[in-house]
PDB file of all heavy atoms in Angstrom:
ATOM      1  N   GLY A   1     -16.432  27.389  53.704  1.00  0.00           N
ATOM      2  CA  GLY A   1     -17.112  28.426  54.448  1.00  0.00           C
ATOM      3  C   GLY A   1     -18.340  27.892  55.078  1.00  0.00           C
ATOM      4  O   GLY A   1     -18.982  26.974  54.578  1.00  0.00           O
ATOM      5  N   ASN A   2     -18.769  28.486  56.184  1.00  0.00           N
ATOM      6  CA  ASN A   2     -19.892  28.036  56.932  1.00  0.00           C
ATOM      7  C   ASN A   2     -21.179  28.011  56.106  1.00  0.00           C
ATOM      8  O   ASN A   2     -22.037  27.116  56.278  1.00  0.00           O
ATOM      9  CB  ASN A   2     -20.107  28.834  58.221  1.00  0.00           C
ATOM     10  CG  ASN A   2     -19.004  28.556  59.262  1.00  0.00           C
ATOM     11  OD1 ASN A   2     -18.425  27.466  59.276  1.00  0.00           O
ATOM     12  ND2 ASN A   2     -18.757  29.523  60.104  1.00  0.00           N
ATOM     13  N   SER A   3     -21.325  28.981  55.240  1.00  0.00           N
ATOM     14  CA  SER A   3     -22.631  29.084  54.507  1.00  0.00           C
ATOM     15  C   SER A   3     -22.772  28.044  53.451  1.00  0.00           C
ATOM     16  O   SER A   3     -23.881  27.894  52.909  1.00  0.00           O
ATOM     17  CB  SER A   3     -22.708  30.503  53.933  1.00  0.00           C
ATOM     18  OG  SER A   3     -21.643  30.742  52.996  1.00  0.00           O
ATOM     19  N   VAL A   4     -21.700  27.337  53.094  1.00  0.00           N
ATOM     20  CA  VAL A   4     -21.777  26.378  51.988  1.00  0.00           C
ATOM     21  C   VAL A   4     -21.524  24.928  52.450  1.00  0.00           C
ATOM     22  O   VAL A   4     -21.667  24.021  51.667  1.00  0.00           O
ATOM     23  CB  VAL A   4     -20.812  26.760  50.838  1.00  0.00           C
ATOM     24  CG1 VAL A   4     -21.052  28.193  50.372  1.00  0.00           C
ATOM     25  CG2 VAL A   4     -19.354  26.520  51.258  1.00  0.00           C
ATOM     26  N   LYS A   5     -21.169  24.756  53.698  1.00  0.00           N
ATOM     27  CA  LYS A   5     -20.929  23.361  54.208  1.00  0.00           C
ATOM     28  C   LYS A   5     -22.125  22.504  53.985  1.00  0.00           C
ATOM     29  O   LYS A   5     -23.249  22.883  54.290  1.00  0.00           O
ATOM     30  CB  LYS A   5     -20.547  23.456  55.660  1.00  0.00           C
ATOM     31  CG  LYS A   5     -19.123  23.943  55.945  1.00  0.00           C
ATOM     32  CD  LYS A   5     -18.850  23.925  57.430  1.00  0.00           C
ATOM     33  CE  LYS A   5     -17.446  24.428  57.704  1.00  0.00           C
ATOM     34  NZ  LYS A   5     -17.155  24.480  59.186  1.00  0.00           N
ATOM     35  N   GLY A   6     -21.849  21.326  53.443  1.00  0.00           N
ATOM     36  CA  GLY A   6     -22.922  20.386  53.239  1.00  0.00           C
ATOM     37  C   GLY A   6     -23.615  20.515  51.885  1.00  0.00           C
ATOM     38  O   GLY A   6     -24.382  19.652  51.481  1.00  0.00           O
ATOM     39  N   ARG A   7     -23.368  21.638  51.199  1.00  0.00           N
ATOM     40  CA  ARG A   7     -23.971  21.877  49.874  1.00  0.00           C
ATOM     41  C   ARG A   7     -22.967  21.927  48.748  1.00  0.00           C
ATOM     42  O   ARG A   7     -23.218  21.515  47.636  1.00  0.00           O
ATOM     43  CB  ARG A   7     -24.757  23.199  49.928  1.00  0.00           C
ATOM     44  CG  ARG A   7     -25.899  23.252  50.927  1.00  0.00           C
ATOM     45  CD  ARG A   7     -26.737  24.506  50.735  1.00  0.00           C
ATOM     46  NE  ARG A   7     -25.968  25.708  50.956  1.00  0.00           N
ATOM     47  CZ  ARG A   7     -25.843  26.673  50.047  1.00  0.00           C
ATOM     48  NH1 ARG A   7     -26.446  26.578  48.838  1.00  0.00           N
ATOM     49  NH2 ARG A   7     -25.156  27.757  50.325  1.00  0.00           N
ATOM     50  N   PHE A   8     -21.784  22.446  49.036  1.00  0.00           N
ATOM     51  CA  PHE A   8     -20.722  22.567  48.061  1.00  0.00           C
ATOM     52  C   PHE A   8     -19.648  21.568  48.294  1.00  0.00           C
ATOM     53  O   PHE A   8     -19.322  21.223  49.432  1.00  0.00           O
ATOM     54  CB  PHE A   8     -20.137  23.957  48.079  1.00  0.00           C
ATOM     55  CG  PHE A   8     -21.055  25.083  47.629  1.00  0.00           C
ATOM     56  CD1 PHE A   8     -22.404  24.896  47.396  1.00  0.00           C
ATOM     57  CD2 PHE A   8     -20.521  26.354  47.395  1.00  0.00           C
ATOM     58  CE1 PHE A   8     -23.212  25.923  46.986  1.00  0.00           C
ATOM     59  CE2 PHE A   8     -21.314  27.383  46.952  1.00  0.00           C
ATOM     60  CZ  PHE A   8     -22.680  27.164  46.752  1.00  0.00           C
ATOM     61  N   THR A   9     -19.011  21.099  47.206  1.00  0.00           N
ATOM     62  CA  THR A   9     -17.869  20.204  47.335  1.00  0.00           C
ATOM     63  C   THR A   9     -16.760  20.631  46.363  1.00  0.00           C
ATOM     64  O   THR A   9     -17.019  20.823  45.168  1.00  0.00           O
ATOM     65  CB  THR A   9     -18.312  18.779  46.942  1.00  0.00           C
ATOM     66  OG1 THR A   9     -19.375  18.345  47.805  1.00  0.00           O
ATOM     67  CG2 THR A   9     -17.099  17.826  47.122  1.00  0.00           C
ATOM     68  N   ILE A  10     -15.597  20.798  46.926  1.00  0.00           N
ATOM     69  CA  ILE A  10     -14.428  21.103  46.078  1.00  0.00           C
ATOM     70  C   ILE A  10     -13.609  19.850  45.842  1.00  0.00           C
ATOM     71  O   ILE A  10     -13.504  19.001  46.731  1.00  0.00           O
ATOM     72  CB  ILE A  10     -13.518  22.211  46.771  1.00  0.00           C
ATOM     73  CG1 ILE A  10     -12.458  22.664  45.821  1.00  0.00           C
ATOM     74  CG2 ILE A  10     -12.970  21.709  48.085  1.00  0.00           C
ATOM     75  CD1 ILE A  10     -11.685  23.917  46.346  1.00  0.00           C
ATOM     76  N   SER A  11     -13.130  19.723  44.629  1.00  0.00           N
ATOM     77  CA  SER A  11     -12.335  18.563  44.281  1.00  0.00           C
ATOM     78  C   SER A  11     -11.293  18.984  43.243  1.00  0.00           C
ATOM     79  O   SER A  11     -11.370  20.078  42.673  1.00  0.00           O
ATOM     80  CB  SER A  11     -13.192  17.423  43.764  1.00  0.00           C
ATOM     81  OG  SER A  11     -13.852  17.831  42.578  1.00  0.00           O
ATOM     82  N   ARG A  12     -10.360  18.068  42.956  1.00  0.00           N
ATOM     83  CA  ARG A  12      -9.343  18.417  41.979  1.00  0.00           C
ATOM     84  C   ARG A  12      -8.992  17.223  41.068  1.00  0.00           C
ATOM     85  O   ARG A  12      -9.178  16.056  41.539  1.00  0.00           O
ATOM     86  CB  ARG A  12      -8.108  19.032  42.619  1.00  0.00           C
ATOM     87  CG  ARG A  12      -7.039  18.045  43.084  1.00  0.00           C
ATOM     88  CD  ARG A  12      -7.381  17.437  44.371  1.00  0.00           C
ATOM     89  NE  ARG A  12      -6.238  16.791  45.000  1.00  0.00           N
ATOM     90  CZ  ARG A  12      -6.299  15.552  45.487  1.00  0.00           C
ATOM     91  NH1 ARG A  12      -7.363  14.803  45.398  1.00  0.00           N
ATOM     92  NH2 ARG A  12      -5.221  15.051  46.077  1.00  0.00           N
ATOM     93  N   ASP A  13      -8.510  17.496  39.905  1.00  0.00           N
ATOM     94  CA  ASP A  13      -8.040  16.466  38.985  1.00  0.00           C
ATOM     95  C   ASP A  13      -6.600  16.921  38.625  1.00  0.00           C
ATOM     96  O   ASP A  13      -6.406  17.796  37.814  1.00  0.00           O
ATOM     97  CB  ASP A  13      -8.901  16.379  37.759  1.00  0.00           C
ATOM     98  CG  ASP A  13      -8.470  15.280  36.829  1.00  0.00           C
ATOM     99  OD1 ASP A  13      -7.255  14.909  36.842  1.00  0.00           O
ATOM    100  OD2 ASP A  13      -9.332  14.794  36.065  1.00  0.00           O
ATOM    101  N   ASN A  14      -5.667  16.323  39.272  1.00  0.00           N
ATOM    102  CA  ASN A  14      -4.263  16.765  39.110  1.00  0.00           C
ATOM    103  C   ASN A  14      -3.803  16.601  37.646  1.00  0.00           C
ATOM    104  O   ASN A  14      -3.057  17.397  37.138  1.00  0.00           O
ATOM    105  CB  ASN A  14      -3.327  15.972  40.028  1.00  0.00           C
ATOM    106  CG  ASN A  14      -3.504  16.311  41.466  1.00  0.00           C
ATOM    107  OD1 ASN A  14      -4.165  17.311  41.771  1.00  0.00           O
ATOM    108  ND2 ASN A  14      -2.913  15.535  42.338  1.00  0.00           N
ATOM    109  N   ALA A  15      -4.254  15.543  37.010  1.00  0.00           N
ATOM    110  CA  ALA A  15      -3.833  15.276  35.652  1.00  0.00           C
ATOM    111  C   ALA A  15      -4.284  16.374  34.678  1.00  0.00           C
ATOM    112  O   ALA A  15      -3.670  16.598  33.650  1.00  0.00           O
ATOM    113  CB  ALA A  15      -4.342  13.909  35.187  1.00  0.00           C
ATOM    114  N   LYS A  16      -5.394  17.003  35.023  1.00  0.00           N
ATOM    115  CA  LYS A  16      -5.953  18.033  34.162  1.00  0.00           C
ATOM    116  C   LYS A  16      -5.710  19.460  34.686  1.00  0.00           C
ATOM    117  O   LYS A  16      -6.219  20.440  34.127  1.00  0.00           O
ATOM    118  CB  LYS A  16      -7.476  17.852  34.012  1.00  0.00           C
ATOM    119  CG  LYS A  16      -7.825  16.561  33.338  1.00  0.00           C
ATOM    120  CD  LYS A  16      -9.350  16.436  33.185  1.00  0.00           C
ATOM    121  CE  LYS A  16      -9.721  15.149  32.447  1.00  0.00           C
ATOM    122  NZ  LYS A  16     -11.208  14.976  32.303  1.00  0.00           N
ATOM    123  N   ASN A  17      -4.912  19.579  35.762  1.00  0.00           N
ATOM    124  CA  ASN A  17      -4.648  20.909  36.348  1.00  0.00           C
ATOM    125  C   ASN A  17      -5.930  21.649  36.674  1.00  0.00           C
ATOM    126  O   ASN A  17      -6.006  22.878  36.484  1.00  0.00           O
ATOM    127  CB  ASN A  17      -3.797  21.759  35.426  1.00  0.00           C
ATOM    128  CG  ASN A  17      -2.469  21.133  35.129  1.00  0.00           C
ATOM    129  OD1 ASN A  17      -1.914  20.350  35.879  1.00  0.00           O
ATOM    130  ND2 ASN A  17      -1.889  21.497  33.971  1.00  0.00           N
ATOM    131  N   THR A  18      -6.933  20.924  37.115  1.00  0.00           N
ATOM    132  CA  THR A  18      -8.254  21.498  37.268  1.00  0.00           C
ATOM    133  C   THR A  18      -8.807  21.264  38.678  1.00  0.00           C
ATOM    134  O   THR A  18      -8.627  20.211  39.230  1.00  0.00           O
ATOM    135  CB  THR A  18      -9.237  20.887  36.205  1.00  0.00           C
ATOM    136  OG1 THR A  18      -8.739  21.193  34.920  1.00  0.00           O
ATOM    137  CG2 THR A  18     -10.618  21.444  36.392  1.00  0.00           C
ATOM    138  N   VAL A  19      -9.476  22.291  39.174  1.00  0.00           N
ATOM    139  CA  VAL A  19     -10.211  22.191  40.414  1.00  0.00           C
ATOM    140  C   VAL A  19     -11.653  22.499  40.151  1.00  0.00           C
ATOM    141  O   VAL A  19     -11.977  23.335  39.298  1.00  0.00           O
ATOM    142  CB  VAL A  19      -9.596  23.145  41.485  1.00  0.00           C
ATOM    143  CG1 VAL A  19      -9.741  24.603  41.096  1.00  0.00           C
ATOM    144  CG2 VAL A  19     -10.269  22.897  42.851  1.00  0.00           C
ATOM    145  N   TYR A  20     -12.537  21.791  40.805  1.00  0.00           N
ATOM    146  CA  TYR A  20     -13.989  21.936  40.591  1.00  0.00           C
ATOM    147  C   TYR A  20     -14.626  22.406  41.871  1.00  0.00           C
ATOM    148  O   TYR A  20     -14.202  22.127  42.951  1.00  0.00           O
ATOM    149  CB  TYR A  20     -14.553  20.561  40.209  1.00  0.00           C
ATOM    150  CG  TYR A  20     -13.941  19.882  38.993  1.00  0.00           C
ATOM    151  CD1 TYR A  20     -12.893  19.001  39.072  1.00  0.00           C
ATOM    152  CD2 TYR A  20     -14.409  20.249  37.703  1.00  0.00           C
ATOM    153  CE1 TYR A  20     -12.353  18.440  37.973  1.00  0.00           C
ATOM    154  CE2 TYR A  20     -13.846  19.683  36.581  1.00  0.00           C
ATOM    155  CZ  TYR A  20     -12.844  18.767  36.725  1.00  0.00           C
ATOM    156  OH  TYR A  20     -12.281  18.220  35.586  1.00  0.00           O
ATOM    157  N   LEU A  21     -15.800  22.998  41.629  1.00  0.00           N
ATOM    158  CA  LEU A  21     -16.669  23.344  42.775  1.00  0.00           C
ATOM    159  C   LEU A  21     -18.063  22.894  42.394  1.00  0.00           C
ATOM    160  O   LEU A  21     -18.731  23.505  41.545  1.00  0.00           O
ATOM    161  CB  LEU A  21     -16.632  24.850  43.073  1.00  0.00           C
ATOM    162  CG  LEU A  21     -17.499  25.271  44.303  1.00  0.00           C
ATOM    163  CD1 LEU A  21     -16.832  24.729  45.586  1.00  0.00           C
ATOM    164  CD2 LEU A  21     -17.635  26.803  44.345  1.00  0.00           C
ATOM    165  N   GLN A  22     -18.502  21.817  43.022  1.00  0.00           N
ATOM    166  CA  GLN A  22     -19.854  21.307  42.782  1.00  0.00           C
ATOM    167  C   GLN A  22     -20.768  22.007  43.803  1.00  0.00           C
ATOM    168  O   GLN A  22     -20.593  21.920  45.008  1.00  0.00           O
ATOM    169  CB  GLN A  22     -19.855  19.773  43.035  1.00  0.00           C
ATOM    170  CG  GLN A  22     -21.277  19.177  42.885  1.00  0.00           C
ATOM    171  CD  GLN A  22     -21.824  19.282  41.488  1.00  0.00           C
ATOM    172  OE1 GLN A  22     -21.097  19.009  40.516  1.00  0.00           O
ATOM    173  NE2 GLN A  22     -23.092  19.594  41.345  1.00  0.00           N
ATOM    174  N   MET A  23     -21.743  22.703  43.238  1.00  0.00           N
ATOM    175  CA  MET A  23     -22.644  23.494  44.086  1.00  0.00           C
ATOM    176  C   MET A  23     -24.067  22.894  43.968  1.00  0.00           C
ATOM    177  O   MET A  23     -24.642  22.898  42.886  1.00  0.00           O
ATOM    178  CB  MET A  23     -22.640  24.943  43.684  1.00  0.00           C
ATOM    179  CG  MET A  23     -21.234  25.583  43.592  1.00  0.00           C
ATOM    180  SD  MET A  23     -21.248  27.330  43.256  1.00  0.00           S
ATOM    181  CE  MET A  23     -21.913  27.338  41.586  1.00  0.00           C
ATOM    182  N   ASN A  24     -24.536  22.377  45.047  1.00  0.00           N
ATOM    183  CA  ASN A  24     -25.889  21.783  45.128  1.00  0.00           C
ATOM    184  C   ASN A  24     -26.788  22.620  45.984  1.00  0.00           C
ATOM    185  O   ASN A  24     -26.366  23.424  46.783  1.00  0.00           O
ATOM    186  CB  ASN A  24     -25.826  20.360  45.636  1.00  0.00           C
ATOM    187  CG  ASN A  24     -24.995  19.426  44.769  1.00  0.00           C
ATOM    188  OD1 ASN A  24     -24.931  19.618  43.558  1.00  0.00           O
ATOM    189  ND2 ASN A  24     -24.391  18.447  45.391  1.00  0.00           N
ATOM    190  N   SER A  25     -28.100  22.413  45.801  1.00  0.00           N
ATOM    191  CA  SER A  25     -29.115  23.105  46.631  1.00  0.00           C
ATOM    192  C   SER A  25     -28.852  24.616  46.669  1.00  0.00           C
ATOM    193  O   SER A  25     -28.816  25.253  47.754  1.00  0.00           O
ATOM    194  CB  SER A  25     -29.148  22.572  48.043  1.00  0.00           C
ATOM    195  OG  SER A  25     -29.354  21.152  48.053  1.00  0.00           O
ATOM    196  N   LEU A  26     -28.636  25.149  45.518  1.00  0.00           N
ATOM    197  CA  LEU A  26     -28.288  26.597  45.432  1.00  0.00           C
ATOM    198  C   LEU A  26     -29.402  27.472  45.956  1.00  0.00           C
ATOM    199  O   LEU A  26     -30.580  27.161  45.779  1.00  0.00           O
ATOM    200  CB  LEU A  26     -27.934  26.971  43.989  1.00  0.00           C
ATOM    201  CG  LEU A  26     -26.536  26.512  43.586  1.00  0.00           C
ATOM    202  CD1 LEU A  26     -26.412  26.491  42.039  1.00  0.00           C
ATOM    203  CD2 LEU A  26     -25.502  27.388  44.170  1.00  0.00           C
ATOM    204  N   LYS A  27     -28.988  28.594  46.573  1.00  0.00           N
ATOM    205  CA  LYS A  27     -29.898  29.537  47.168  1.00  0.00           C
ATOM    206  C   LYS A  27     -29.717  30.892  46.506  1.00  0.00           C
ATOM    207  O   LYS A  27     -28.561  31.189  46.004  1.00  0.00           O
ATOM    208  CB  LYS A  27     -29.683  29.669  48.666  1.00  0.00           C
ATOM    209  CG  LYS A  27     -29.782  28.381  49.405  1.00  0.00           C
ATOM    210  CD  LYS A  27     -29.355  28.567  50.871  1.00  0.00           C
ATOM    211  CE  LYS A  27     -29.425  27.262  51.664  1.00  0.00           C
ATOM    212  NZ  LYS A  27     -29.034  27.425  53.111  1.00  0.00           N
ATOM    213  N   PRO A  28     -30.703  31.779  46.535  1.00  0.00           N
ATOM    214  CA  PRO A  28     -30.492  33.102  45.952  1.00  0.00           C
ATOM    215  C   PRO A  28     -29.276  33.855  46.582  1.00  0.00           C
ATOM    216  O   PRO A  28     -28.583  34.605  45.904  1.00  0.00           O
ATOM    217  CB  PRO A  28     -31.802  33.839  46.273  1.00  0.00           C
ATOM    218  CG  PRO A  28     -32.795  32.716  46.287  1.00  0.00           C
ATOM    219  CD  PRO A  28     -32.060  31.531  46.911  1.00  0.00           C
TER     220      PRO A  28
END
């Protein structure tokens, strides 16, 4: 989404059936 570009990163670990959302520079 436009509001999170450059701050959030989505990734996945197939072996663990897991998806992550790394959120940096969080804002209110």
